[in-house]
Amino acid sequence: MEQREFGRLGRKVSVVGLGTWQLGADWGEVDERDALTVLEAAVEAGVTFFDTADVYGDGRSEQLIGRFLRERPDAGIFVATKMGRRMPQLAENYSLDNFRAWTDRSRANLGVDVLDLVQLHCPPSSVHSSEAVFDALDTLVAEERVAAYGVSVETCAEALAAIARPGTASVQIILNPFRLKPLEEVVPAAREAGVGIIARVPLASGLLSGKYTKDTVFAENDHRTFNRHGEMFDQGETFSGVGFEEGVEAAVEFAELAPRGATPAQTALRWIVQQPGVTSVIPGARSPEQARANAAAAGLPPLPDSTLDAVGDLYDRRLRAQVHHRW
């Protein structure tokens, strides 16, 4: 699989990675052995980049990855984790003492001395303009607790603030055919600065797979049930902020753009991979088959300009008014 470089890190990662939120059981239950099988399938398909967080299953996702790393020390996996969502979302909680405690826990969960990459996990907007916060992150690097740091953000404004910081190695942002705003300023700015772009929520919580109907029901402990209107965290995390019924209708149109031999999900991933400045896209997977299918998107032929234009038209007609001004 193609490997792309984090400019400020000097490290390369697979252009299609693996998001592991679902392995923490926030998308319904996932058996431990099944989770490890997903990790194995992804690696066998060429994935070298796992994205996790200390809050996914309250550490379960990190622990599963740590077990996998012990079993496959030769796999060459780059692991990005996140911190900050296990405490109330107050700017004062983003302190050096807490950073040390949080990264110590993640290092123990993952079984590593130094974290490859730690990301602030969608903190309050004011955190991105705090000199003390970024000084503390620099201290983590100096103390060799982490090799590098980045941010996961909700909004384009937050992303641009982080990109302006000289120590920021990566920005993780929602980017998919139903969320185009980052292409206007964020992705070009990151590319110019040598900051990696990690595209998250790439399938709009599964909408872009084309598998859902308006009658689809998700489990009670699935965020696609309990956070559909932003009840528990930012609404943009669930279906990219698109209303479910409207999203299902838009997904039907998107599925018609899939080239022969490609699924709608693979088409969405291929679209993201084609965006200049994207380092890696991190779809989740609940089965080995999903992991392999996602990875295969990296090898698809580039989508033609006609398809790219059609994606833009679909967004403008159906979705722009809902999401573009919010994030």
C-alpha atoms as a PDB file:
ATOM      1  CA  MET A   1       0.000   0.000   0.000  1.00  0.00           C
ATOM      2  CA  GLU A   2       1.118   3.559  -0.652  1.00  0.00           C
ATOM      3  CA  GLN A   3       2.903   5.123   2.331  1.00  0.00           C
ATOM      4  CA  ARG A   4       2.705   8.880   2.873  1.00  0.00           C
ATOM      5  CA  GLU A   5       4.952  10.977   5.065  1.00  0.00           C
ATOM      6  CA  PHE A   6       4.080  13.159   8.018  1.00  0.00           C
ATOM      7  CA  GLY A   7       6.195  16.144   7.039  1.00  0.00           C
ATOM      8  CA  ARG A   8       7.135  17.202  10.573  1.00  0.00           C
ATOM      9  CA  LEU A   9       7.561  13.626  11.785  1.00  0.00           C
ATOM     10  CA  GLY A  10       9.772  12.106   9.141  1.00  0.00           C
ATOM     11  CA  ARG A  11       7.655   8.934   9.418  1.00  0.00           C
ATOM     12  CA  LYS A  12       5.538   7.277   6.772  1.00  0.00           C
ATOM     13  CA  VAL A  13       2.162   5.628   7.289  1.00  0.00           C
ATOM     14  CA  SER A  14      -0.255   3.774   5.052  1.00  0.00           C
ATOM     15  CA  VAL A  15      -2.617   6.017   3.136  1.00  0.00           C
ATOM     16  CA  VAL A  16      -5.491   3.907   4.476  1.00  0.00           C
ATOM     17  CA  GLY A  17      -5.184   3.307   8.201  1.00  0.00           C
ATOM     18  CA  LEU A  18      -7.504   1.760  10.749  1.00  0.00           C
ATOM     19  CA  GLY A  19      -9.672   3.670  13.182  1.00  0.00           C
ATOM     20  CA  THR A  20     -10.311   1.637  16.328  1.00  0.00           C
ATOM     21  CA  TRP A  21     -13.134   3.474  18.102  1.00  0.00           C
ATOM     22  CA  GLN A  22     -15.411   0.521  17.363  1.00  0.00           C
ATOM     23  CA  LEU A  23     -13.018  -1.885  19.100  1.00  0.00           C
ATOM     24  CA  GLY A  24     -13.682  -0.019  22.332  1.00  0.00           C
ATOM     25  CA  ALA A  25     -17.313  -1.203  22.140  1.00  0.00           C
ATOM     26  CA  ASP A  26     -18.916   2.198  21.569  1.00  0.00           C
ATOM     27  CA  TRP A  27     -20.487   0.842  18.365  1.00  0.00           C
ATOM     28  CA  GLY A  28     -21.907  -2.280  19.991  1.00  0.00           C
ATOM     29  CA  GLU A  29     -20.060  -5.210  21.547  1.00  0.00           C
ATOM     30  CA  VAL A  30     -16.908  -6.570  19.907  1.00  0.00           C
ATOM     31  CA  ASP A  31     -15.318  -9.785  21.175  1.00  0.00           C
ATOM     32  CA  GLU A  32     -11.610  -9.506  22.036  1.00  0.00           C
ATOM     33  CA  ARG A  33     -10.515 -12.253  19.669  1.00  0.00           C
ATOM     34  CA  ASP A  34     -12.651 -10.758  16.904  1.00  0.00           C
ATOM     35  CA  ALA A  35     -11.007  -7.372  17.511  1.00  0.00           C
ATOM     36  CA  LEU A  36      -7.525  -8.872  17.234  1.00  0.00           C
ATOM     37  CA  THR A  37      -8.555 -10.609  14.032  1.00  0.00           C
ATOM     38  CA  VAL A  38      -9.568  -7.238  12.580  1.00  0.00           C
ATOM     39  CA  LEU A  39      -6.176  -5.772  13.463  1.00  0.00           C
ATOM     40  CA  GLU A  40      -4.418  -8.739  11.873  1.00  0.00           C
ATOM     41  CA  ALA A  41      -6.476  -8.502   8.680  1.00  0.00           C
ATOM     42  CA  ALA A  42      -5.722  -4.796   8.360  1.00  0.00           C
ATOM     43  CA  VAL A  43      -1.985  -5.360   8.716  1.00  0.00           C
ATOM     44  CA  GLU A  44      -2.013  -8.224   6.236  1.00  0.00           C
ATOM     45  CA  ALA A  45      -3.745  -5.862   3.790  1.00  0.00           C
ATOM     46  CA  GLY A  46      -0.946  -3.302   4.092  1.00  0.00           C
ATOM     47  CA  VAL A  47      -2.179  -1.031   6.897  1.00  0.00           C
ATOM     48  CA  THR A  48       0.619   0.403   9.049  1.00  0.00           C
ATOM     49  CA  PHE A  49      -1.343   3.100  10.909  1.00  0.00           C
ATOM     50  CA  PHE A  50      -3.733   2.523  13.820  1.00  0.00           C
ATOM     51  CA  ASP A  51      -5.656   5.374  15.422  1.00  0.00           C
ATOM     52  CA  THR A  52      -7.056   4.963  18.928  1.00  0.00           C
ATOM     53  CA  ALA A  53      -7.834   6.979  22.075  1.00  0.00           C
ATOM     54  CA  ASP A  54      -7.704   6.529  25.821  1.00  0.00           C
ATOM     55  CA  VAL A  55     -11.476   6.978  26.013  1.00  0.00           C
ATOM     56  CA  TYR A  56     -12.386   4.247  23.511  1.00  0.00           C
ATOM     57  CA  GLY A  57     -13.862   1.656  25.823  1.00  0.00           C
ATOM     58  CA  ASP A  58     -12.058   3.516  28.648  1.00  0.00           C
ATOM     59  CA  GLY A  59      -8.740   2.104  27.453  1.00  0.00           C
ATOM     60  CA  ARG A  60      -9.952  -1.183  25.956  1.00  0.00           C
ATOM     61  CA  SER A  61      -9.027  -0.187  22.409  1.00  0.00           C
ATOM     62  CA  GLU A  62      -5.501   0.800  23.474  1.00  0.00           C
ATOM     63  CA  GLN A  63      -5.101  -2.426  25.434  1.00  0.00           C
ATOM     64  CA  LEU A  64      -6.164  -4.555  22.472  1.00  0.00           C
ATOM     65  CA  ILE A  65      -3.684  -2.759  20.233  1.00  0.00           C
ATOM     66  CA  GLY A  66      -1.017  -3.216  22.910  1.00  0.00           C
ATOM     67  CA  ARG A  67      -1.666  -6.942  22.938  1.00  0.00           C
ATOM     68  CA  PHE A  68      -1.450  -7.024  19.143  1.00  0.00           C
ATOM     69  CA  LEU A  69       1.865  -5.145  19.207  1.00  0.00           C
ATOM     70  CA  ARG A  70       3.271  -7.710  21.629  1.00  0.00           C
ATOM     71  CA  GLU A  71       2.114 -10.565  19.416  1.00  0.00           C
ATOM     72  CA  ARG A  72       3.304  -8.892  16.200  1.00  0.00           C
ATOM     73  CA  PRO A  73       6.392  -6.815  17.107  1.00  0.00           C
ATOM     74  CA  ASP A  74       7.578  -7.069  13.510  1.00  0.00           C
ATOM     75  CA  ALA A  75       4.463  -5.454  12.005  1.00  0.00           C
ATOM     76  CA  GLY A  76       5.905  -1.918  11.936  1.00  0.00           C
ATOM     77  CA  ILE A  77       2.713  -0.290  13.184  1.00  0.00           C
ATOM     78  CA  PHE A  78       2.539   3.448  13.896  1.00  0.00           C
ATOM     79  CA  VAL A  79      -0.018   4.072  16.652  1.00  0.00           C
ATOM     80  CA  ALA A  80      -1.682   7.412  17.193  1.00  0.00           C
ATOM     81  CA  THR A  81      -3.683   7.804  20.372  1.00  0.00           C
ATOM     82  CA  LYS A  82      -5.630  10.690  21.892  1.00  0.00           C
ATOM     83  CA  MET A  83      -6.127  12.179  25.327  1.00  0.00           C
ATOM     84  CA  GLY A  84      -8.409  14.558  27.165  1.00  0.00           C
ATOM     85  CA  ARG A  85     -11.928  13.163  26.942  1.00  0.00           C
ATOM     86  CA  ARG A  86     -11.888  11.184  30.182  1.00  0.00           C
ATOM     87  CA  MET A  87     -12.360  14.354  32.253  1.00  0.00           C
ATOM     88  CA  PRO A  88     -14.874  17.205  32.102  1.00  0.00           C
ATOM     89  CA  GLN A  89     -14.223  19.358  29.056  1.00  0.00           C
ATOM     90  CA  LEU A  90     -12.772  22.372  30.832  1.00  0.00           C
ATOM     91  CA  ALA A  91      -9.774  24.234  29.467  1.00  0.00           C
ATOM     92  CA  GLU A  92      -8.017  24.143  32.855  1.00  0.00           C
ATOM     93  CA  ASN A  93      -7.900  20.348  32.725  1.00  0.00           C
ATOM     94  CA  TYR A  94      -5.475  20.523  29.801  1.00  0.00           C
ATOM     95  CA  SER A  95      -2.428  20.883  32.048  1.00  0.00           C
ATOM     96  CA  LEU A  96       1.067  19.379  32.079  1.00  0.00           C
ATOM     97  CA  ASP A  97       0.327  17.286  35.164  1.00  0.00           C
ATOM     98  CA  ASN A  98      -2.735  15.789  33.527  1.00  0.00           C
ATOM     99  CA  PHE A  99      -0.874  15.283  30.255  1.00  0.00           C
ATOM    100  CA  ARG A 100       1.787  13.284  32.102  1.00  0.00           C
ATOM    101  CA  ALA A 101      -0.822  11.167  33.848  1.00  0.00           C
ATOM    102  CA  TRP A 102      -2.836  10.587  30.686  1.00  0.00           C
ATOM    103  CA  THR A 103       0.159   9.635  28.571  1.00  0.00           C
ATOM    104  CA  ASP A 104       1.507   7.374  31.326  1.00  0.00           C
ATOM    105  CA  ARG A 105      -1.799   5.487  31.248  1.00  0.00           C
ATOM    106  CA  SER A 106      -1.754   5.225  27.455  1.00  0.00           C
ATOM    107  CA  ARG A 107       1.858   4.033  27.452  1.00  0.00           C
ATOM    108  CA  ALA A 108       0.909   1.320  29.937  1.00  0.00           C
ATOM    109  CA  ASN A 109      -2.175   0.329  27.930  1.00  0.00           C
ATOM    110  CA  LEU A 110      -0.162   0.112  24.718  1.00  0.00           C
ATOM    111  CA  GLY A 111       2.915  -1.412  26.364  1.00  0.00           C
ATOM    112  CA  VAL A 112       5.332   1.149  24.930  1.00  0.00           C
ATOM    113  CA  ASP A 113       7.869   3.518  26.447  1.00  0.00           C
ATOM    114  CA  VAL A 114       7.216   6.317  23.948  1.00  0.00           C
ATOM    115  CA  LEU A 115       3.935   7.054  22.210  1.00  0.00           C
ATOM    116  CA  ASP A 116       4.340   7.506  18.455  1.00  0.00           C
ATOM    117  CA  LEU A 117       1.777  10.312  18.379  1.00  0.00           C
ATOM    118  CA  VAL A 118      -0.579  11.725  20.988  1.00  0.00           C
ATOM    119  CA  GLN A 119      -3.425  13.995  19.955  1.00  0.00           C
ATOM    120  CA  LEU A 120      -5.577  16.363  21.959  1.00  0.00           C
ATOM    121  CA  HIS A 121      -9.014  14.806  21.616  1.00  0.00           C
ATOM    122  CA  CYS A 122     -11.345  17.548  20.417  1.00  0.00           C
ATOM    123  CA  PRO A 123     -10.722  19.861  23.394  1.00  0.00           C
ATOM    124  CA  PRO A 124     -12.553  23.138  24.056  1.00  0.00           C
ATOM    125  CA  SER A 125     -11.773  25.671  21.334  1.00  0.00           C
ATOM    126  CA  SER A 126      -9.843  27.937  23.711  1.00  0.00           C
ATOM    127  CA  VAL A 127      -7.248  25.189  24.238  1.00  0.00           C
ATOM    128  CA  HIS A 128      -5.973  25.681  20.691  1.00  0.00           C
ATOM    129  CA  SER A 129      -4.937  29.266  21.470  1.00  0.00           C
ATOM    130  CA  SER A 130      -3.239  28.471  24.797  1.00  0.00           C
ATOM    131  CA  GLU A 131       0.528  28.947  24.927  1.00  0.00           C
ATOM    132  CA  ALA A 132       0.674  26.909  28.141  1.00  0.00           C
ATOM    133  CA  VAL A 133      -0.990  23.915  26.502  1.00  0.00           C
ATOM    134  CA  PHE A 134       1.458  23.787  23.624  1.00  0.00           C
ATOM    135  CA  ASP A 135       4.393  24.394  25.964  1.00  0.00           C
ATOM    136  CA  ALA A 136       3.197  21.383  27.951  1.00  0.00           C
ATOM    137  CA  LEU A 137       2.978  19.288  24.794  1.00  0.00           C
ATOM    138  CA  ASP A 138       6.528  20.306  23.900  1.00  0.00           C
ATOM    139  CA  THR A 139       7.557  19.175  27.384  1.00  0.00           C
ATOM    140  CA  LEU A 140       6.076  15.721  26.749  1.00  0.00           C
ATOM    141  CA  VAL A 141       8.298  15.431  23.674  1.00  0.00           C
ATOM    142  CA  ALA A 142      11.344  16.674  25.599  1.00  0.00           C
ATOM    143  CA  GLU A 143      10.662  14.125  28.354  1.00  0.00           C
ATOM    144  CA  GLU A 144      10.422  11.387  25.693  1.00  0.00           C
ATOM    145  CA  ARG A 145       6.948  10.367  26.751  1.00  0.00           C
ATOM    146  CA  VAL A 146       5.751  11.025  23.195  1.00  0.00           C
ATOM    147  CA  ALA A 147       7.574  11.251  19.883  1.00  0.00           C
ATOM    148  CA  ALA A 148       5.187  13.858  18.528  1.00  0.00           C
ATOM    149  CA  TYR A 149       1.822  15.495  19.118  1.00  0.00           C
ATOM    150  CA  GLY A 150      -1.157  16.625  17.128  1.00  0.00           C
ATOM    151  CA  VAL A 151      -4.779  17.573  17.556  1.00  0.00           C
ATOM    152  CA  SER A 152      -8.145  16.105  16.689  1.00  0.00           C
ATOM    153  CA  VAL A 153     -10.582  18.922  16.009  1.00  0.00           C
ATOM    154  CA  GLU A 154     -14.237  19.610  15.430  1.00  0.00           C
ATOM    155  CA  THR A 155     -13.947  22.800  13.377  1.00  0.00           C
ATOM    156  CA  CYS A 156     -11.826  24.208  10.589  1.00  0.00           C
ATOM    157  CA  ALA A 157     -10.972  27.237  12.746  1.00  0.00           C
ATOM    158  CA  GLU A 158      -9.503  24.941  15.407  1.00  0.00           C
ATOM    159  CA  ALA A 159      -7.495  23.106  12.765  1.00  0.00           C
ATOM    160  CA  LEU A 160      -6.008  26.320  11.379  1.00  0.00           C
ATOM    161  CA  ALA A 161      -5.012  27.461  14.880  1.00  0.00           C
ATOM    162  CA  ALA A 162      -3.201  24.179  15.489  1.00  0.00           C
ATOM    163  CA  ILE A 163      -1.464  24.195  12.102  1.00  0.00           C
ATOM    164  CA  ALA A 164       0.039  27.570  12.977  1.00  0.00           C
ATOM    165  CA  ARG A 165       1.862  25.991  15.949  1.00  0.00           C
ATOM    166  CA  PRO A 166       5.419  24.949  15.009  1.00  0.00           C
ATOM    167  CA  GLY A 167       5.291  21.715  17.021  1.00  0.00           C
ATOM    168  CA  THR A 168       2.026  20.357  15.642  1.00  0.00           C
ATOM    169  CA  ALA A 169       2.718  17.205  13.631  1.00  0.00           C
ATOM    170  CA  SER A 170      -0.825  16.320  12.613  1.00  0.00           C
ATOM    171  CA  VAL A 171      -4.418  17.463  12.479  1.00  0.00           C
ATOM    172  CA  GLN A 172      -7.230  14.945  12.543  1.00  0.00           C
ATOM    173  CA  ILE A 173     -10.429  16.319  11.044  1.00  0.00           C
ATOM    174  CA  ILE A 174     -13.703  15.028   9.648  1.00  0.00           C
ATOM    175  CA  LEU A 175     -13.335  14.852   5.882  1.00  0.00           C
ATOM    176  CA  ASN A 176     -15.529  12.862   3.533  1.00  0.00           C
ATOM    177  CA  PRO A 177     -17.814  13.442   0.526  1.00  0.00           C
ATOM    178  CA  PHE A 178     -20.470  14.712   2.947  1.00  0.00           C
ATOM    179  CA  ARG A 179     -18.066  17.162   4.676  1.00  0.00           C
ATOM    180  CA  LEU A 180     -16.059  19.220   2.173  1.00  0.00           C
ATOM    181  CA  LYS A 181     -15.245  22.398   4.083  1.00  0.00           C
ATOM    182  CA  PRO A 182     -11.710  21.304   5.158  1.00  0.00           C
ATOM    183  CA  LEU A 183     -10.673  21.313   1.499  1.00  0.00           C
ATOM    184  CA  GLU A 184     -11.057  25.095   1.326  1.00  0.00           C
ATOM    185  CA  GLU A 185      -8.369  26.208   3.791  1.00  0.00           C
ATOM    186  CA  VAL A 186      -7.343  23.490   6.234  1.00  0.00           C
ATOM    187  CA  VAL A 187      -5.891  20.876   3.909  1.00  0.00           C
ATOM    188  CA  PRO A 188      -3.948  23.422   1.808  1.00  0.00           C
ATOM    189  CA  ALA A 189      -2.576  25.115   4.948  1.00  0.00           C
ATOM    190  CA  ALA A 190      -1.472  21.789   6.417  1.00  0.00           C
ATOM    191  CA  ARG A 191       0.181  20.807   3.172  1.00  0.00           C
ATOM    192  CA  GLU A 192       2.093  24.078   3.067  1.00  0.00           C
ATOM    193  CA  ALA A 193       3.213  23.712   6.701  1.00  0.00           C
ATOM    194  CA  GLY A 194       4.166  20.037   6.462  1.00  0.00           C
ATOM    195  CA  VAL A 195       1.450  19.029   8.917  1.00  0.00           C
ATOM    196  CA  GLY A 196      -0.155  15.634   8.396  1.00  0.00           C
ATOM    197  CA  ILE A 197      -3.885  15.416   7.748  1.00  0.00           C
ATOM    198  CA  ILE A 198      -5.685  12.405   9.214  1.00  0.00           C
ATOM    199  CA  ALA A 199      -9.175  12.135   7.732  1.00  0.00           C
ATOM    200  CA  ARG A 200     -11.635  10.804  10.283  1.00  0.00           C
ATOM    201  CA  VAL A 201     -15.303   9.780  10.109  1.00  0.00           C
ATOM    202  CA  PRO A 202     -14.580   8.994   6.445  1.00  0.00           C
ATOM    203  CA  LEU A 203     -17.807   7.079   5.834  1.00  0.00           C
ATOM    204  CA  ALA A 204     -20.048   9.505   7.751  1.00  0.00           C
ATOM    205  CA  SER A 205     -20.670   6.865  10.445  1.00  0.00           C
ATOM    206  CA  GLY A 206     -21.514   4.312   7.772  1.00  0.00           C
ATOM    207  CA  LEU A 207     -23.906   6.408   5.697  1.00  0.00           C
ATOM    208  CA  LEU A 208     -21.526   6.368   2.744  1.00  0.00           C
ATOM    209  CA  SER A 209     -21.516   2.580   2.731  1.00  0.00           C
ATOM    210  CA  GLY A 210     -24.970   2.796   1.155  1.00  0.00           C
ATOM    211  CA  LYS A 211     -26.214  -0.015   3.399  1.00  0.00           C
ATOM    212  CA  TYR A 212     -28.708   1.923   5.511  1.00  0.00           C
ATOM    213  CA  THR A 213     -32.351   2.724   4.905  1.00  0.00           C
ATOM    214  CA  LYS A 214     -34.544   5.169   6.767  1.00  0.00           C
ATOM    215  CA  ASP A 215     -35.814   2.198   8.790  1.00  0.00           C
ATOM    216  CA  THR A 216     -32.367   1.025   9.944  1.00  0.00           C
ATOM    217  CA  VAL A 217     -32.188   0.642  13.744  1.00  0.00           C
ATOM    218  CA  PHE A 218     -28.897   0.732  15.647  1.00  0.00           C
ATOM    219  CA  ALA A 219     -28.171  -0.731  19.079  1.00  0.00           C
ATOM    220  CA  GLU A 220     -28.974   1.356  22.138  1.00  0.00           C
ATOM    221  CA  ASN A 221     -25.269   1.583  23.056  1.00  0.00           C
ATOM    222  CA  ASP A 222     -24.335   2.711  19.527  1.00  0.00           C
ATOM    223  CA  HIS A 223     -23.619   6.444  19.211  1.00  0.00           C
ATOM    224  CA  ARG A 224     -25.687   6.435  15.998  1.00  0.00           C
ATOM    225  CA  THR A 225     -28.663   5.965  18.326  1.00  0.00           C
ATOM    226  CA  PHE A 226     -27.762   7.973  21.405  1.00  0.00           C
ATOM    227  CA  ASN A 227     -25.930  10.914  19.812  1.00  0.00           C
ATOM    228  CA  ARG A 228     -27.911  11.512  16.652  1.00  0.00           C
ATOM    229  CA  HIS A 229     -28.722  15.065  17.705  1.00  0.00           C
ATOM    230  CA  GLY A 230     -25.590  15.762  19.739  1.00  0.00           C
ATOM    231  CA  GLU A 231     -26.986  14.529  23.049  1.00  0.00           C
ATOM    232  CA  MET A 232     -23.652  13.186  24.369  1.00  0.00           C
ATOM    233  CA  PHE A 233     -20.930  14.914  22.302  1.00  0.00           C
ATOM    234  CA  ASP A 234     -20.612  17.058  19.212  1.00  0.00           C
ATOM    235  CA  GLN A 235     -23.326  16.221  16.691  1.00  0.00           C
ATOM    236  CA  GLY A 236     -20.792  16.394  13.881  1.00  0.00           C
ATOM    237  CA  GLU A 237     -19.232  13.142  15.109  1.00  0.00           C
ATOM    238  CA  THR A 238     -22.384  11.187  14.198  1.00  0.00           C
ATOM    239  CA  PHE A 239     -23.258  10.946  10.499  1.00  0.00           C
ATOM    240  CA  SER A 240     -20.939  13.954  10.001  1.00  0.00           C
ATOM    241  CA  GLY A 241     -23.740  16.108  11.395  1.00  0.00           C
ATOM    242  CA  VAL A 242     -26.065  15.259   8.508  1.00  0.00           C
ATOM    243  CA  GLY A 243     -29.654  14.404   9.392  1.00  0.00           C
ATOM    244  CA  PHE A 244     -30.124  10.649   9.118  1.00  0.00           C
ATOM    245  CA  GLU A 245     -33.009  10.583   6.647  1.00  0.00           C
ATOM    246  CA  GLU A 246     -31.439  13.210   4.403  1.00  0.00           C
ATOM    247  CA  GLY A 247     -28.141  11.370   4.677  1.00  0.00           C
ATOM    248  CA  VAL A 248     -29.700   8.099   3.556  1.00  0.00           C
ATOM    249  CA  GLU A 249     -31.166   9.817   0.494  1.00  0.00           C
ATOM    250  CA  ALA A 250     -27.834  11.472  -0.339  1.00  0.00           C
ATOM    251  CA  ALA A 251     -26.056   8.144   0.109  1.00  0.00           C
ATOM    252  CA  VAL A 252     -28.289   6.559  -2.528  1.00  0.00           C
ATOM    253  CA  GLU A 253     -27.120   9.221  -4.985  1.00  0.00           C
ATOM    254  CA  PHE A 254     -23.505   8.785  -3.931  1.00  0.00           C
ATOM    255  CA  ALA A 255     -23.669   5.015  -4.432  1.00  0.00           C
ATOM    256  CA  GLU A 256     -24.525   5.604  -8.081  1.00  0.00           C
ATOM    257  CA  LEU A 257     -21.107   7.235  -8.526  1.00  0.00           C
ATOM    258  CA  ALA A 258     -19.194   4.090  -7.539  1.00  0.00           C
ATOM    259  CA  PRO A 259     -17.113   2.741 -10.419  1.00  0.00           C
ATOM    260  CA  ARG A 260     -17.565  -0.832 -11.565  1.00  0.00           C
ATOM    261  CA  GLY A 261     -15.966  -3.245  -9.118  1.00  0.00           C
ATOM    262  CA  ALA A 262     -15.919  -0.781  -6.206  1.00  0.00           C
ATOM    263  CA  THR A 263     -18.351  -0.460  -3.322  1.00  0.00           C
ATOM    264  CA  PRO A 264     -19.741   2.926  -2.264  1.00  0.00           C
ATOM    265  CA  ALA A 265     -17.552   2.773   0.867  1.00  0.00           C
ATOM    266  CA  GLN A 266     -14.422   2.137  -1.193  1.00  0.00           C
ATOM    267  CA  THR A 267     -15.404   4.981  -3.497  1.00  0.00           C
ATOM    268  CA  ALA A 268     -15.672   7.360  -0.539  1.00  0.00           C
ATOM    269  CA  LEU A 269     -12.258   6.265   0.752  1.00  0.00           C
ATOM    270  CA  ARG A 270     -10.729   6.585  -2.719  1.00  0.00           C
ATOM    271  CA  TRP A 271     -12.168  10.111  -2.967  1.00  0.00           C
ATOM    272  CA  ILE A 272     -10.454  11.069   0.311  1.00  0.00           C
ATOM    273  CA  VAL A 273      -7.135   9.479  -0.667  1.00  0.00           C
ATOM    274  CA  GLN A 274      -7.154  11.579  -3.850  1.00  0.00           C
ATOM    275  CA  GLN A 275      -7.340  14.891  -2.021  1.00  0.00           C
ATOM    276  CA  PRO A 276      -3.884  16.545  -2.170  1.00  0.00           C
ATOM    277  CA  GLY A 277      -2.519  16.971   1.353  1.00  0.00           C
ATOM    278  CA  VAL A 278      -4.287  14.031   2.983  1.00  0.00           C
ATOM    279  CA  THR A 279      -1.823  11.778   4.788  1.00  0.00           C
ATOM    280  CA  SER A 280      -4.073   8.923   5.890  1.00  0.00           C
ATOM    281  CA  VAL A 281      -7.755   8.081   6.167  1.00  0.00           C
ATOM    282  CA  ILE A 282      -8.890   6.005   9.128  1.00  0.00           C
ATOM    283  CA  PRO A 283     -12.059   3.994   8.514  1.00  0.00           C
ATOM    284  CA  GLY A 284     -13.135   1.644  11.241  1.00  0.00           C
ATOM    285  CA  ALA A 285     -13.858  -2.042  10.730  1.00  0.00           C
ATOM    286  CA  ARG A 286     -15.839  -4.572  12.727  1.00  0.00           C
ATOM    287  CA  SER A 287     -14.777  -7.619  10.715  1.00  0.00           C
ATOM    288  CA  PRO A 288     -11.702  -8.833   8.819  1.00  0.00           C
ATOM    289  CA  GLU A 289     -13.691  -8.546   5.586  1.00  0.00           C
ATOM    290  CA  GLN A 290     -14.383  -4.873   6.252  1.00  0.00           C
ATOM    291  CA  ALA A 291     -10.750  -4.219   7.096  1.00  0.00           C
ATOM    292  CA  ARG A 292      -9.578  -5.826   3.862  1.00  0.00           C
ATOM    293  CA  ALA A 293     -12.196  -4.045   1.754  1.00  0.00           C
ATOM    294  CA  ASN A 294     -11.252  -0.668   3.243  1.00  0.00           C
ATOM    295  CA  ALA A 295      -7.567  -1.253   2.589  1.00  0.00           C
ATOM    296  CA  ALA A 296      -8.312  -2.262  -1.010  1.00  0.00           C
ATOM    297  CA  ALA A 297      -9.643   1.249  -1.677  1.00  0.00           C
ATOM    298  CA  ALA A 298      -6.046   2.474  -1.741  1.00  0.00           C
ATOM    299  CA  GLY A 299      -5.406   0.408  -4.851  1.00  0.00           C
ATOM    300  CA  LEU A 300      -8.391   1.596  -6.874  1.00  0.00           C
ATOM    301  CA  PRO A 301      -7.751   3.712  -9.985  1.00  0.00           C
ATOM    302  CA  PRO A 302      -8.140   7.453  -9.379  1.00  0.00           C
ATOM    303  CA  LEU A 303     -11.698   8.672  -9.684  1.00  0.00           C
ATOM    304  CA  PRO A 304     -12.246  10.715 -12.864  1.00  0.00           C
ATOM    305  CA  ASP A 305     -12.914  14.437 -12.791  1.00  0.00           C
ATOM    306  CA  SER A 306     -16.543  13.793 -13.689  1.00  0.00           C
ATOM    307  CA  THR A 307     -16.996  11.830 -10.447  1.00  0.00           C
ATOM    308  CA  LEU A 308     -15.204  14.459  -8.390  1.00  0.00           C
ATOM    309  CA  ASP A 309     -17.474  17.121  -9.876  1.00  0.00           C
ATOM    310  CA  ALA A 310     -20.542  14.999  -9.160  1.00  0.00           C
ATOM    311  CA  VAL A 311     -19.528  14.682  -5.508  1.00  0.00           C
ATOM    312  CA  GLY A 312     -19.287  18.465  -5.256  1.00  0.00           C
ATOM    313  CA  ASP A 313     -22.673  18.894  -6.889  1.00  0.00           C
ATOM    314  CA  LEU A 314     -24.289  16.380  -4.544  1.00  0.00           C
ATOM    315  CA  TYR A 315     -22.835  18.171  -1.547  1.00  0.00           C
ATOM    316  CA  ASP A 316     -23.971  21.586  -2.764  1.00  0.00           C
ATOM    317  CA  ARG A 317     -27.529  20.447  -3.487  1.00  0.00           C
ATOM    318  CA  ARG A 318     -28.231  18.270  -0.483  1.00  0.00           C
ATOM    319  CA  LEU A 319     -25.807  18.899   2.366  1.00  0.00           C
ATOM    320  CA  ARG A 320     -23.998  22.225   2.257  1.00  0.00           C
ATOM    321  CA  ALA A 321     -26.803  24.168   3.949  1.00  0.00           C
ATOM    322  CA  GLN A 322     -26.854  21.674   6.843  1.00  0.00           C
ATOM    323  CA  VAL A 323     -23.183  21.370   7.692  1.00  0.00           C
ATOM    324  CA  HIS A 324     -20.923  23.862   5.943  1.00  0.00           C
ATOM    325  CA  HIS A 325     -21.470  26.793   8.306  1.00  0.00           C
ATOM    326  CA  ARG A 326     -21.246  24.727  11.490  1.00  0.00           C
ATOM    327  CA  TRP A 327     -17.829  23.107  11.368  1.00  0.00           C
END
